[in-house]
Amino acid sequence: KELVRWTLHYIADLDIPAKRGTFIEFRNGMVNISPIGRNASTQER
């Protein structure tokens, strides 16, 4: 929870050209973190 809180605060304050959704994806063996969000389209990626 501490890691998630820090990550979401940090991404919220990031000034980047675009943000979409799913900034943290929880998986069985890890978490995946994306500043733009994993919902970005192919071109946005």
PDB file of all heavy atoms in Angstrom:
ATOM      1  N   LYS A   1       0.834  -1.210   0.000  1.00  0.00           N
ATOM      2  CA  LYS A   1       0.000   0.000   0.000  1.00  0.00           C
ATOM      3  C   LYS A   1       0.868   1.259   0.000  1.00  0.00           C
ATOM      4  O   LYS A   1       0.529   2.246  -0.661  1.00  0.00           O
ATOM      5  CB  LYS A   1      -0.937  -0.005   1.207  1.00  0.00           C
ATOM      6  CG  LYS A   1      -2.073  -1.018   1.091  1.00  0.00           C
ATOM      7  CD  LYS A   1      -3.174  -0.778   2.102  1.00  0.00           C
ATOM      8  CE  LYS A   1      -2.716  -0.957   3.512  1.00  0.00           C
ATOM      9  NZ  LYS A   1      -3.823  -0.878   4.493  1.00  0.00           N
ATOM     10  N   GLU A   2       1.974   1.229   0.728  1.00  0.00           N
ATOM     11  CA  GLU A   2       2.888   2.376   0.736  1.00  0.00           C
ATOM     12  C   GLU A   2       3.448   2.625  -0.665  1.00  0.00           C
ATOM     13  O   GLU A   2       3.512   3.766  -1.129  1.00  0.00           O
ATOM     14  CB  GLU A   2       4.037   2.102   1.716  1.00  0.00           C
ATOM     15  CG  GLU A   2       5.051   3.241   1.807  1.00  0.00           C
ATOM     16  CD  GLU A   2       6.268   2.878   2.640  1.00  0.00           C
ATOM     17  OE1 GLU A   2       6.313   1.769   3.195  1.00  0.00           O
ATOM     18  OE2 GLU A   2       7.184   3.717   2.718  1.00  0.00           O
ATOM     19  N   LEU A   3       3.828   1.556  -1.347  1.00  0.00           N
ATOM     20  CA  LEU A   3       4.359   1.687  -2.709  1.00  0.00           C
ATOM     21  C   LEU A   3       3.299   2.247  -3.656  1.00  0.00           C
ATOM     22  O   LEU A   3       3.583   3.125  -4.479  1.00  0.00           O
ATOM     23  CB  LEU A   3       4.846   0.322  -3.186  1.00  0.00           C
ATOM     24  CG  LEU A   3       5.549   0.263  -4.542  1.00  0.00           C
ATOM     25  CD1 LEU A   3       6.663  -0.784  -4.509  1.00  0.00           C
ATOM     26  CD2 LEU A   3       4.571  -0.090  -5.665  1.00  0.00           C
ATOM     27  N   VAL A   4       2.071   1.757  -3.541  1.00  0.00           N
ATOM     28  CA  VAL A   4       0.986   2.224  -4.416  1.00  0.00           C
ATOM     29  C   VAL A   4       0.680   3.693  -4.162  1.00  0.00           C
ATOM     30  O   VAL A   4       0.510   4.480  -5.107  1.00  0.00           O
ATOM     31  CB  VAL A   4      -0.281   1.362  -4.211  1.00  0.00           C
ATOM     32  CG1 VAL A   4      -1.489   2.000  -4.892  1.00  0.00           C
ATOM     33  CG2 VAL A   4      -0.054  -0.041  -4.751  1.00  0.00           C
ATOM     34  N   ARG A   5       0.608   4.099  -2.896  1.00  0.00           N
ATOM     35  CA  ARG A   5       0.329   5.513  -2.576  1.00  0.00           C
ATOM     36  C   ARG A   5       1.379   6.433  -3.191  1.00  0.00           C
ATOM     37  O   ARG A   5       1.042   7.438  -3.815  1.00  0.00           O
ATOM     38  CB  ARG A   5       0.292   5.711  -1.049  1.00  0.00           C
ATOM     39  CG  ARG A   5      -1.029   5.363  -0.397  1.00  0.00           C
ATOM     40  CD  ARG A   5      -1.111   5.922   1.026  1.00  0.00           C
ATOM     41  NE  ARG A   5      -0.061   5.369   1.884  1.00  0.00           N
ATOM     42  CZ  ARG A   5      -0.220   4.289   2.637  1.00  0.00           C
ATOM     43  NH1 ARG A   5      -1.371   3.636   2.629  1.00  0.00           N
ATOM     44  NH2 ARG A   5       0.769   3.859   3.399  1.00  0.00           N
ATOM     45  N   TRP A   6       2.639   6.078  -3.001  1.00  0.00           N
ATOM     46  CA  TRP A   6       3.728   6.914  -3.532  1.00  0.00           C
ATOM     47  C   TRP A   6       3.631   6.999  -5.055  1.00  0.00           C
ATOM     48  O   TRP A   6       3.759   8.077  -5.643  1.00  0.00           O
ATOM     49  CB  TRP A   6       5.076   6.328  -3.112  1.00  0.00           C
ATOM     50  CG  TRP A   6       6.238   7.201  -3.469  1.00  0.00           C
ATOM     51  CD1 TRP A   6       6.849   8.120  -2.662  1.00  0.00           C
ATOM     52  CD2 TRP A   6       6.917   7.249  -4.736  1.00  0.00           C
ATOM     53  NE1 TRP A   6       7.868   8.735  -3.350  1.00  0.00           N
ATOM     54  CE2 TRP A   6       7.933   8.225  -4.630  1.00  0.00           C
ATOM     55  CE3 TRP A   6       6.757   6.582  -5.949  1.00  0.00           C
ATOM     56  CZ2 TRP A   6       8.789   8.536  -5.673  1.00  0.00           C
ATOM     57  CZ3 TRP A   6       7.610   6.892  -7.008  1.00  0.00           C
ATOM     58  CH2 TRP A   6       8.612   7.852  -6.867  1.00  0.00           C
ATOM     59  N   THR A   7       3.401   5.840  -5.700  1.00  0.00           N
ATOM     60  CA  THR A   7       3.364   5.787  -7.162  1.00  0.00           C
ATOM     61  C   THR A   7       2.244   6.650  -7.734  1.00  0.00           C
ATOM     62  O   THR A   7       2.450   7.429  -8.680  1.00  0.00           O
ATOM     63  CB  THR A   7       3.182   4.330  -7.629  1.00  0.00           C
ATOM     64  OG1 THR A   7       4.292   3.560  -7.166  1.00  0.00           O
ATOM     65  CG2 THR A   7       3.096   4.240  -9.143  1.00  0.00           C
ATOM     66  N   LEU A   8       1.044   6.532  -7.165  1.00  0.00           N
ATOM     67  CA  LEU A   8      -0.087   7.295  -7.699  1.00  0.00           C
ATOM     68  C   LEU A   8       0.088   8.797  -7.478  1.00  0.00           C
ATOM     69  O   LEU A   8      -0.267   9.608  -8.348  1.00  0.00           O
ATOM     70  CB  LEU A   8      -1.390   6.788  -7.081  1.00  0.00           C
ATOM     71  CG  LEU A   8      -1.796   5.369  -7.487  1.00  0.00           C
ATOM     72  CD1 LEU A   8      -3.051   4.934  -6.750  1.00  0.00           C
ATOM     73  CD2 LEU A   8      -1.998   5.270  -9.000  1.00  0.00           C
ATOM     74  N   HIS A   9       0.637   9.180  -6.325  1.00  0.00           N
ATOM     75  CA  HIS A   9       0.929  10.601  -6.092  1.00  0.00           C
ATOM     76  C   HIS A   9       1.947  11.112  -7.111  1.00  0.00           C
ATOM     77  O   HIS A   9       1.784  12.205  -7.673  1.00  0.00           O
ATOM     78  CB  HIS A   9       1.466  10.812  -4.670  1.00  0.00           C
ATOM     79  CG  HIS A   9       0.398  10.885  -3.626  1.00  0.00           C
ATOM     80  ND1 HIS A   9      -0.541  11.900  -3.585  1.00  0.00           N
ATOM     81  CD2 HIS A   9       0.116  10.073  -2.572  1.00  0.00           C
ATOM     82  CE1 HIS A   9      -1.356  11.701  -2.559  1.00  0.00           C
ATOM     83  NE2 HIS A   9      -0.979  10.600  -1.931  1.00  0.00           N
ATOM     84  N   TYR A  10       2.988  10.320  -7.358  1.00  0.00           N
ATOM     85  CA  TYR A  10       4.047  10.747  -8.277  1.00  0.00           C
ATOM     86  C   TYR A  10       3.499  10.910  -9.698  1.00  0.00           C
ATOM     87  O   TYR A  10       3.741  11.921 -10.367  1.00  0.00           O
ATOM     88  CB  TYR A  10       5.189   9.736  -8.256  1.00  0.00           C
ATOM     89  CG  TYR A  10       6.374  10.154  -9.095  1.00  0.00           C
ATOM     90  CD1 TYR A  10       7.398  10.922  -8.555  1.00  0.00           C
ATOM     91  CD2 TYR A  10       6.469   9.782 -10.438  1.00  0.00           C
ATOM     92  CE1 TYR A  10       8.485  11.316  -9.322  1.00  0.00           C
ATOM     93  CE2 TYR A  10       7.540  10.171 -11.221  1.00  0.00           C
ATOM     94  CZ  TYR A  10       8.557  10.936 -10.654  1.00  0.00           C
ATOM     95  OH  TYR A  10       9.630  11.336 -11.430  1.00  0.00           O
ATOM     96  N   ILE A  11       2.726   9.927 -10.162  1.00  0.00           N
ATOM     97  CA  ILE A  11       2.179  10.001 -11.525  1.00  0.00           C
ATOM     98  C   ILE A  11       1.180  11.149 -11.648  1.00  0.00           C
ATOM     99  O   ILE A  11       1.132  11.847 -12.670  1.00  0.00           O
ATOM    100  CB  ILE A  11       1.547   8.651 -11.915  1.00  0.00           C
ATOM    101  CG1 ILE A  11       2.637   7.591 -12.081  1.00  0.00           C
ATOM    102  CG2 ILE A  11       0.732   8.776 -13.204  1.00  0.00           C
ATOM    103  CD1 ILE A  11       2.128   6.185 -12.357  1.00  0.00           C
ATOM    104  N   ALA A  12       0.406  11.378 -10.584  1.00  0.00           N
ATOM    105  CA  ALA A  12      -0.563  12.488 -10.624  1.00  0.00           C
ATOM    106  C   ALA A  12       0.129  13.821 -10.855  1.00  0.00           C
ATOM    107  O   ALA A  12      -0.406  14.713 -11.527  1.00  0.00           O
ATOM    108  CB  ALA A  12      -1.355  12.529  -9.314  1.00  0.00           C
ATOM    109  N   ASP A  13       1.335  13.977 -10.316  1.00  0.00           N
ATOM    110  CA  ASP A  13       2.061  15.243 -10.434  1.00  0.00           C
ATOM    111  C   ASP A  13       2.929  15.320 -11.679  1.00  0.00           C
ATOM    112  O   ASP A  13       3.529  16.369 -11.945  1.00  0.00           O
ATOM    113  CB  ASP A  13       2.943  15.442  -9.195  1.00  0.00           C
ATOM    114  CG  ASP A  13       2.112  15.700  -7.941  1.00  0.00           C
ATOM    115  OD1 ASP A  13       0.961  16.144  -8.081  1.00  0.00           O
ATOM    116  OD2 ASP A  13       2.625  15.435  -6.834  1.00  0.00           O
ATOM    117  N   LEU A  14       3.014  14.238 -12.450  1.00  0.00           N
ATOM    118  CA  LEU A  14       3.832  14.249 -13.662  1.00  0.00           C
ATOM    119  C   LEU A  14       3.190  15.120 -14.739  1.00  0.00           C
ATOM    120  O   LEU A  14       1.983  15.017 -14.996  1.00  0.00           O
ATOM    121  CB  LEU A  14       3.974  12.840 -14.230  1.00  0.00           C
ATOM    122  CG  LEU A  14       5.151  11.968 -13.800  1.00  0.00           C
ATOM    123  CD1 LEU A  14       5.067  10.628 -14.526  1.00  0.00           C
ATOM    124  CD2 LEU A  14       6.483  12.638 -14.089  1.00  0.00           C
ATOM    125  N   ASP A  15       3.990  15.943 -15.389  1.00  0.00           N
ATOM    126  CA  ASP A  15       3.505  16.737 -16.522  1.00  0.00           C
ATOM    127  C   ASP A  15       4.048  16.109 -17.800  1.00  0.00           C
ATOM    128  O   ASP A  15       5.176  16.362 -18.214  1.00  0.00           O
ATOM    129  CB  ASP A  15       3.982  18.188 -16.388  1.00  0.00           C
ATOM    130  CG  ASP A  15       3.410  19.081 -17.486  1.00  0.00           C
ATOM    131  OD1 ASP A  15       2.492  18.628 -18.197  1.00  0.00           O
ATOM    132  OD2 ASP A  15       3.906  20.211 -17.640  1.00  0.00           O
ATOM    133  N   ILE A  16       3.244  15.247 -18.399  1.00  0.00           N
ATOM    134  CA  ILE A  16       3.607  14.595 -19.656  1.00  0.00           C
ATOM    135  C   ILE A  16       2.497  14.854 -20.669  1.00  0.00           C
ATOM    136  O   ILE A  16       1.389  15.238 -20.296  1.00  0.00           O
ATOM    137  CB  ILE A  16       3.846  13.077 -19.461  1.00  0.00           C
ATOM    138  CG1 ILE A  16       2.622  12.400 -18.825  1.00  0.00           C
ATOM    139  CG2 ILE A  16       5.079  12.835 -18.589  1.00  0.00           C
ATOM    140  CD1 ILE A  16       2.768  10.891 -18.663  1.00  0.00           C
ATOM    141  N   PRO A  17       2.771  14.682 -21.978  1.00  0.00           N
ATOM    142  CA  PRO A  17       1.799  15.081 -23.009  1.00  0.00           C
ATOM    143  C   PRO A  17       0.438  14.405 -22.906  1.00  0.00           C
ATOM    144  O   PRO A  17      -0.573  14.985 -23.298  1.00  0.00           O
ATOM    145  CB  PRO A  17       2.504  14.703 -24.318  1.00  0.00           C
ATOM    146  CG  PRO A  17       3.953  14.767 -23.996  1.00  0.00           C
ATOM    147  CD  PRO A  17       4.066  14.299 -22.580  1.00  0.00           C
ATOM    148  N   ALA A  18       0.382  13.165 -22.407  1.00  0.00           N
ATOM    149  CA  ALA A  18      -0.911  12.468 -22.336  1.00  0.00           C
ATOM    150  C   ALA A  18      -0.903  11.507 -21.158  1.00  0.00           C
ATOM    151  O   ALA A  18       0.132  10.962 -20.781  1.00  0.00           O
ATOM    152  CB  ALA A  18      -1.182  11.702 -23.630  1.00  0.00           C
ATOM    153  N   LYS A  19      -2.100  11.321 -20.561  1.00  0.00           N
ATOM    154  CA  LYS A  19      -2.314  10.274 -19.561  1.00  0.00           C
ATOM    155  C   LYS A  19      -3.632   9.582 -19.902  1.00  0.00           C
ATOM    156  O   LYS A  19      -4.593  10.240 -20.302  1.00  0.00           O
ATOM    157  CB  LYS A  19      -2.382  10.865 -18.148  1.00  0.00           C
ATOM    158  CG  LYS A  19      -1.062  11.417 -17.631  1.00  0.00           C
ATOM    159  CD  LYS A  19      -1.202  11.962 -16.213  1.00  0.00           C
ATOM    160  CE  LYS A  19       0.095  12.623 -15.768  1.00  0.00           C
ATOM    161  NZ  LYS A  19      -0.044  13.245 -14.428  1.00  0.00           N
ATOM    162  N   ARG A  20      -3.665   8.287 -19.716  1.00  0.00           N
ATOM    163  CA  ARG A  20      -4.875   7.535 -20.033  1.00  0.00           C
ATOM    164  C   ARG A  20      -5.388   6.814 -18.787  1.00  0.00           C
ATOM    165  O   ARG A  20      -5.901   7.429 -17.889  1.00  0.00           O
ATOM    166  CB  ARG A  20      -4.596   6.578 -21.205  1.00  0.00           C
ATOM    167  CG  ARG A  20      -4.341   7.320 -22.523  1.00  0.00           C
ATOM    168  CD  ARG A  20      -5.540   8.164 -22.934  1.00  0.00           C
ATOM    169  NE  ARG A  20      -5.283   8.956 -24.140  1.00  0.00           N
ATOM    170  CZ  ARG A  20      -5.063  10.260 -24.134  1.00  0.00           C
ATOM    171  NH1 ARG A  20      -5.022  10.931 -22.980  1.00  0.00           N
ATOM    172  NH2 ARG A  20      -4.886  10.911 -25.261  1.00  0.00           N
ATOM    173  N   GLY A  21      -5.221   5.530 -18.656  1.00  0.00           N
ATOM    174  CA  GLY A  21      -5.709   4.807 -17.487  1.00  0.00           C
ATOM    175  C   GLY A  21      -4.906   3.554 -17.239  1.00  0.00           C
ATOM    176  O   GLY A  21      -4.116   3.141 -18.080  1.00  0.00           O
ATOM    177  N   THR A  22      -5.141   2.932 -16.095  1.00  0.00           N
ATOM    178  CA  THR A  22      -4.403   1.755 -15.622  1.00  0.00           C
ATOM    179  C   THR A  22      -2.920   2.096 -15.483  1.00  0.00           C
ATOM    180  O   THR A  22      -2.074   1.642 -16.254  1.00  0.00           O
ATOM    181  CB  THR A  22      -4.604   0.518 -16.528  1.00  0.00           C
ATOM    182  OG1 THR A  22      -5.991   0.360 -16.813  1.00  0.00           O
ATOM    183  CG2 THR A  22      -4.105  -0.742 -15.847  1.00  0.00           C
ATOM    184  N   PHE A  23      -2.640   2.906 -14.474  1.00  0.00           N
ATOM    185  CA  PHE A  23      -1.263   3.326 -14.204  1.00  0.00           C
ATOM    186  C   PHE A  23      -0.516   2.267 -13.402  1.00  0.00           C
ATOM    187  O   PHE A  23       0.708   2.174 -13.481  1.00  0.00           O
ATOM    188  CB  PHE A  23      -1.266   4.657 -13.454  1.00  0.00           C
ATOM    189  CG  PHE A  23      -1.959   5.755 -14.208  1.00  0.00           C
ATOM    190  CD1 PHE A  23      -3.243   6.158 -13.850  1.00  0.00           C
ATOM    191  CD2 PHE A  23      -1.365   6.349 -15.305  1.00  0.00           C
ATOM    192  CE1 PHE A  23      -3.901   7.157 -14.561  1.00  0.00           C
ATOM    193  CE2 PHE A  23      -2.012   7.342 -16.027  1.00  0.00           C
ATOM    194  CZ  PHE A  23      -3.288   7.749 -15.653  1.00  0.00           C
ATOM    195  N   ILE A  24      -1.229   1.468 -12.627  1.00  0.00           N
ATOM    196  CA  ILE A  24      -0.638   0.337 -11.915  1.00  0.00           C
ATOM    197  C   ILE A  24      -1.454  -0.901 -12.250  1.00  0.00           C
ATOM    198  O   ILE A  24      -2.670  -0.910 -12.092  1.00  0.00           O
ATOM    199  CB  ILE A  24      -0.647   0.542 -10.387  1.00  0.00           C
ATOM    200  CG1 ILE A  24       0.153   1.777  -9.997  1.00  0.00           C
ATOM    201  CG2 ILE A  24      -0.084  -0.696  -9.675  1.00  0.00           C
ATOM    202  CD1 ILE A  24       0.130   2.074  -8.509  1.00  0.00           C
ATOM    203  N   GLU A  25      -0.761  -1.925 -12.753  1.00  0.00           N
ATOM    204  CA  GLU A  25      -1.432  -3.196 -13.023  1.00  0.00           C
ATOM    205  C   GLU A  25      -0.864  -4.241 -12.080  1.00  0.00           C
ATOM    206  O   GLU A  25       0.334  -4.542 -12.107  1.00  0.00           O
ATOM    207  CB  GLU A  25      -1.227  -3.626 -14.471  1.00  0.00           C
ATOM    208  CG  GLU A  25      -1.958  -4.918 -14.810  1.00  0.00           C
ATOM    209  CD  GLU A  25      -1.836  -5.280 -16.274  1.00  0.00           C
ATOM    210  OE1 GLU A  25      -0.783  -5.839 -16.655  1.00  0.00           O
ATOM    211  OE2 GLU A  25      -2.779  -4.998 -17.041  1.00  0.00           O
ATOM    212  N   PHE A  26      -1.719  -4.771 -11.221  1.00  0.00           N
ATOM    213  CA  PHE A  26      -1.313  -5.788 -10.248  1.00  0.00           C
ATOM    214  C   PHE A  26      -1.340  -7.153 -10.913  1.00  0.00           C
ATOM    215  O   PHE A  26      -2.337  -7.558 -11.498  1.00  0.00           O
ATOM    216  CB  PHE A  26      -2.263  -5.759  -9.047  1.00  0.00           C
ATOM    217  CG  PHE A  26      -1.932  -6.769  -7.993  1.00  0.00           C
ATOM    218  CD1 PHE A  26      -0.919  -6.530  -7.077  1.00  0.00           C
ATOM    219  CD2 PHE A  26      -2.624  -7.967  -7.920  1.00  0.00           C
ATOM    220  CE1 PHE A  26      -0.605  -7.467  -6.107  1.00  0.00           C
ATOM    221  CE2 PHE A  26      -2.319  -8.909  -6.948  1.00  0.00           C
ATOM    222  CZ  PHE A  26      -1.303  -8.660  -6.039  1.00  0.00           C
ATOM    223  N   ARG A  27      -0.221  -7.863 -10.832  1.00  0.00           N
ATOM    224  CA  ARG A  27      -0.112  -9.199 -11.404  1.00  0.00           C
ATOM    225  C   ARG A  27       0.256 -10.182 -10.307  1.00  0.00           C
ATOM    226  O   ARG A  27       0.558  -9.793  -9.189  1.00  0.00           O
ATOM    227  CB  ARG A  27       0.933  -9.213 -12.524  1.00  0.00           C
ATOM    228  CG  ARG A  27       0.612  -8.248 -13.665  1.00  0.00           C
ATOM    229  CD  ARG A  27       1.733  -8.188 -14.680  1.00  0.00           C
ATOM    230  NE  ARG A  27       1.450  -7.230 -15.758  1.00  0.00           N
ATOM    231  CZ  ARG A  27       2.332  -6.864 -16.669  1.00  0.00           C
ATOM    232  NH1 ARG A  27       3.562  -7.354 -16.639  1.00  0.00           N
ATOM    233  NH2 ARG A  27       1.990  -5.993 -17.601  1.00  0.00           N
ATOM    234  N   ASN A  28       0.267 -11.436 -10.646  1.00  0.00           N
ATOM    235  CA  ASN A  28       0.572 -12.457  -9.647  1.00  0.00           C
ATOM    236  C   ASN A  28       1.981 -12.297  -9.082  1.00  0.00           C
ATOM    237  O   ASN A  28       2.188 -12.382  -7.873  1.00  0.00           O
ATOM    238  CB  ASN A  28       0.432 -13.846 -10.269  1.00  0.00           C
ATOM    239  CG  ASN A  28       0.669 -14.948  -9.275  1.00  0.00           C
ATOM    240  OD1 ASN A  28       0.058 -14.975  -8.223  1.00  0.00           O
ATOM    241  ND2 ASN A  28       1.580 -15.860  -9.593  1.00  0.00           N
ATOM    242  N   GLY A  29       2.955 -12.065  -9.945  1.00  0.00           N
ATOM    243  CA  GLY A  29       4.338 -12.058  -9.501  1.00  0.00           C
ATOM    244  C   GLY A  29       5.006 -10.699  -9.468  1.00  0.00           C
ATOM    245  O   GLY A  29       6.200 -10.602  -9.154  1.00  0.00           O
ATOM    246  N   MET A  30       4.276  -9.635  -9.783  1.00  0.00           N
ATOM    247  CA  MET A  30       4.877  -8.309  -9.868  1.00  0.00           C
ATOM    248  C   MET A  30       3.775  -7.266  -9.994  1.00  0.00           C
ATOM    249  O   MET A  30       2.597  -7.595 -10.099  1.00  0.00           O
ATOM    250  CB  MET A  30       5.788  -8.214 -11.093  1.00  0.00           C
ATOM    251  CG  MET A  30       5.023  -8.288 -12.413  1.00  0.00           C
ATOM    252  SD  MET A  30       6.101  -8.195 -13.846  1.00  0.00           S
ATOM    253  CE  MET A  30       6.827  -9.841 -13.817  1.00  0.00           C
ATOM    254  N   VAL A  31       4.177  -5.985  -9.994  1.00  0.00           N
ATOM    255  CA  VAL A  31       3.287  -4.928 -10.441  1.00  0.00           C
ATOM    256  C   VAL A  31       3.946  -4.241 -11.628  1.00  0.00           C
ATOM    257  O   VAL A  31       5.174  -4.144 -11.706  1.00  0.00           O
ATOM    258  CB  VAL A  31       2.951  -3.889  -9.342  1.00  0.00           C
ATOM    259  CG1 VAL A  31       2.061  -4.496  -8.291  1.00  0.00           C
ATOM    260  CG2 VAL A  31       4.193  -3.306  -8.728  1.00  0.00           C
ATOM    261  N   ASN A  32       3.124  -3.793 -12.556  1.00  0.00           N
ATOM    262  CA  ASN A  32       3.588  -3.066 -13.727  1.00  0.00           C
ATOM    263  C   ASN A  32       3.099  -1.633 -13.614  1.00  0.00           C
ATOM    264  O   ASN A  32       1.909  -1.393 -13.381  1.00  0.00           O
ATOM    265  CB  ASN A  32       3.055  -3.723 -15.006  1.00  0.00           C
ATOM    266  CG  ASN A  32       3.492  -2.989 -16.260  1.00  0.00           C
ATOM    267  OD1 ASN A  32       2.765  -2.138 -16.767  1.00  0.00           O
ATOM    268  ND2 ASN A  32       4.661  -3.316 -16.753  1.00  0.00           N
ATOM    269  N   ILE A  33       4.009  -0.685 -13.746  1.00  0.00           N
ATOM    270  CA  ILE A  33       3.693   0.735 -13.562  1.00  0.00           C
ATOM    271  C   ILE A  33       3.916   1.470 -14.870  1.00  0.00           C
ATOM    272  O   ILE A  33       4.959   1.324 -15.508  1.00  0.00           O
ATOM    273  CB  ILE A  33       4.565   1.333 -12.442  1.00  0.00           C
ATOM    274  CG1 ILE A  33       4.230   0.664 -11.102  1.00  0.00           C
ATOM    275  CG2 ILE A  33       4.376   2.849 -12.344  1.00  0.00           C
ATOM    276  CD1 ILE A  33       5.160   1.038  -9.966  1.00  0.00           C
ATOM    277  N   SER A  34       2.933   2.279 -15.269  1.00  0.00           N
ATOM    278  CA  SER A  34       3.017   3.020 -16.531  1.00  0.00           C
ATOM    279  C   SER A  34       2.638   4.476 -16.311  1.00  0.00           C
ATOM    280  O   SER A  34       1.494   4.762 -15.944  1.00  0.00           O
ATOM    281  CB  SER A  34       2.082   2.400 -17.577  1.00  0.00           C
ATOM    282  OG  SER A  34       2.046   3.201 -18.747  1.00  0.00           O
ATOM    283  N   PRO A  35       3.551   5.402 -16.535  1.00  0.00           N
ATOM    284  CA  PRO A  35       3.228   6.825 -16.353  1.00  0.00           C
ATOM    285  C   PRO A  35       2.097   7.317 -17.251  1.00  0.00           C
ATOM    286  O   PRO A  35       1.291   8.149 -16.833  1.00  0.00           O
ATOM    287  CB  PRO A  35       4.549   7.529 -16.688  1.00  0.00           C
ATOM    288  CG  PRO A  35       5.602   6.513 -16.369  1.00  0.00           C
ATOM    289  CD  PRO A  35       4.992   5.191 -16.770  1.00  0.00           C
ATOM    290  N   ILE A  36       2.011   6.811 -18.488  1.00  0.00           N
ATOM    291  CA  ILE A  36       0.927   7.244 -19.383  1.00  0.00           C
ATOM    292  C   ILE A  36      -0.325   6.399 -19.148  1.00  0.00           C
ATOM    293  O   ILE A  36      -1.438   6.842 -19.397  1.00  0.00           O
ATOM    294  CB  ILE A  36       1.355   7.151 -20.868  1.00  0.00           C
ATOM    295  CG1 ILE A  36       0.266   7.732 -21.782  1.00  0.00           C
ATOM    296  CG2 ILE A  36       1.719   5.748 -21.264  1.00  0.00           C
ATOM    297  CD1 ILE A  36       0.629   7.770 -23.251  1.00  0.00           C
ATOM    298  N   GLY A  37      -0.175   5.183 -18.650  1.00  0.00           N
ATOM    299  CA  GLY A  37      -1.302   4.275 -18.438  1.00  0.00           C
ATOM    300  C   GLY A  37      -1.394   3.227 -19.518  1.00  0.00           C
ATOM    301  O   GLY A  37      -1.191   3.513 -20.707  1.00  0.00           O
ATOM    302  N   ARG A  38      -1.708   2.006 -19.138  1.00  0.00           N
ATOM    303  CA  ARG A  38      -1.711   0.896 -20.081  1.00  0.00           C
ATOM    304  C   ARG A  38      -2.888   0.940 -21.058  1.00  0.00           C
ATOM    305  O   ARG A  38      -2.926   0.183 -22.021  1.00  0.00           O
ATOM    306  CB  ARG A  38      -1.703  -0.439 -19.336  1.00  0.00           C
ATOM    307  CG  ARG A  38      -0.420  -0.678 -18.537  1.00  0.00           C
ATOM    308  CD  ARG A  38      -0.317  -2.111 -18.057  1.00  0.00           C
ATOM    309  NE  ARG A  38      -0.245  -3.033 -19.182  1.00  0.00           N
ATOM    310  CZ  ARG A  38       0.881  -3.367 -19.812  1.00  0.00           C
ATOM    311  NH1 ARG A  38       2.038  -2.838 -19.441  1.00  0.00           N
ATOM    312  NH2 ARG A  38       0.850  -4.226 -20.800  1.00  0.00           N
ATOM    313  N   ASN A  39      -3.839   1.848 -20.834  1.00  0.00           N
ATOM    314  CA  ASN A  39      -4.957   1.992 -21.773  1.00  0.00           C
ATOM    315  C   ASN A  39      -4.612   2.839 -22.995  1.00  0.00           C
ATOM    316  O   ASN A  39      -5.466   3.073 -23.850  1.00  0.00           O
ATOM    317  CB  ASN A  39      -6.172   2.597 -21.069  1.00  0.00           C
ATOM    318  CG  ASN A  39      -6.720   1.694 -19.987  1.00  0.00           C
ATOM    319  OD1 ASN A  39      -6.574   1.970 -18.810  1.00  0.00           O
ATOM    320  ND2 ASN A  39      -7.327   0.581 -20.381  1.00  0.00           N
ATOM    321  N   ALA A  40      -3.380   3.300 -23.077  1.00  0.00           N
ATOM    322  CA  ALA A  40      -2.965   4.104 -24.224  1.00  0.00           C
ATOM    323  C   ALA A  40      -3.116   3.309 -25.523  1.00  0.00           C
ATOM    324  O   ALA A  40      -2.906   2.091 -25.550  1.00  0.00           O
ATOM    325  CB  ALA A  40      -1.508   4.548 -24.045  1.00  0.00           C
ATOM    326  N   SER A  41      -3.475   4.015 -26.597  1.00  0.00           N
ATOM    327  CA  SER A  41      -3.601   3.375 -27.912  1.00  0.00           C
ATOM    328  C   SER A  41      -2.211   3.050 -28.468  1.00  0.00           C
ATOM    329  O   SER A  41      -1.186   3.487 -27.930  1.00  0.00           O
ATOM    330  CB  SER A  41      -4.325   4.307 -28.881  1.00  0.00           C
ATOM    331  OG  SER A  41      -3.501   5.441 -29.152  1.00  0.00           O
ATOM    332  N   THR A  42      -2.194   2.308 -29.565  1.00  0.00           N
ATOM    333  CA  THR A  42      -0.907   1.956 -30.183  1.00  0.00           C
ATOM    334  C   THR A  42      -0.129   3.205 -30.569  1.00  0.00           C
ATOM    335  O   THR A  42       1.071   3.311 -30.294  1.00  0.00           O
ATOM    336  CB  THR A  42      -1.142   1.070 -31.423  1.00  0.00           C
ATOM    337  OG1 THR A  42      -1.786  -0.147 -31.017  1.00  0.00           O
ATOM    338  CG2 THR A  42       0.173   0.738 -32.103  1.00  0.00           C
ATOM    339  N   GLN A  43      -0.788   4.184 -31.183  1.00  0.00           N
ATOM    340  CA  GLN A  43      -0.088   5.408 -31.575  1.00  0.00           C
ATOM    341  C   GLN A  43       0.381   6.189 -30.350  1.00  0.00           C
ATOM    342  O   GLN A  43       1.488   6.747 -30.346  1.00  0.00           O
ATOM    343  CB  GLN A  43      -1.003   6.294 -32.442  1.00  0.00           C
ATOM    344  CG  GLN A  43      -0.294   7.525 -33.003  1.00  0.00           C
ATOM    345  CD  GLN A  43       0.927   7.170 -33.837  1.00  0.00           C
ATOM    346  OE1 GLN A  43       0.843   6.359 -34.756  1.00  0.00           O
ATOM    347  NE2 GLN A  43       2.075   7.748 -33.507  1.00  0.00           N
ATOM    348  N   GLU A  44      -0.460   6.245 -29.318  1.00  0.00           N
ATOM    349  CA  GLU A  44      -0.062   6.941 -28.086  1.00  0.00           C
ATOM    350  C   GLU A  44       1.139   6.257 -27.429  1.00  0.00           C
ATOM    351  O   GLU A  44       2.005   6.937 -26.852  1.00  0.00           O
ATOM    352  CB  GLU A  44      -1.242   6.995 -27.117  1.00  0.00           C
ATOM    353  CG  GLU A  44      -2.326   7.968 -27.550  1.00  0.00           C
ATOM    354  CD  GLU A  44      -3.646   7.764 -26.814  1.00  0.00           C
ATOM    355  OE1 GLU A  44      -3.835   6.712 -26.168  1.00  0.00           O
ATOM    356  OE2 GLU A  44      -4.502   8.674 -26.909  1.00  0.00           O
ATOM    357  N   ARG A  45       1.225   4.953 -27.544  1.00  0.00           N
ATOM    358  CA  ARG A  45       2.391   4.226 -27.023  1.00  0.00           C
ATOM    359  C   ARG A  45       3.659   4.615 -27.782  1.00  0.00           C
ATOM    360  O   ARG A  45       4.716   4.843 -27.186  1.00  0.00           O
ATOM    361  CB  ARG A  45       2.166   2.707 -27.123  1.00  0.00           C
ATOM    362  CG  ARG A  45       1.170   2.164 -26.112  1.00  0.00           C
ATOM    363  CD  ARG A  45       0.731   0.747 -26.445  1.00  0.00           C
ATOM    364  NE  ARG A  45      -0.162   0.235 -25.414  1.00  0.00           N
ATOM    365  CZ  ARG A  45       0.194  -0.576 -24.427  1.00  0.00           C
ATOM    366  NH1 ARG A  45       1.455  -0.991 -24.348  1.00  0.00           N
ATOM    367  NH2 ARG A  45      -0.670  -0.981 -23.534  1.00  0.00           N
TER     368      ARG A  45
END
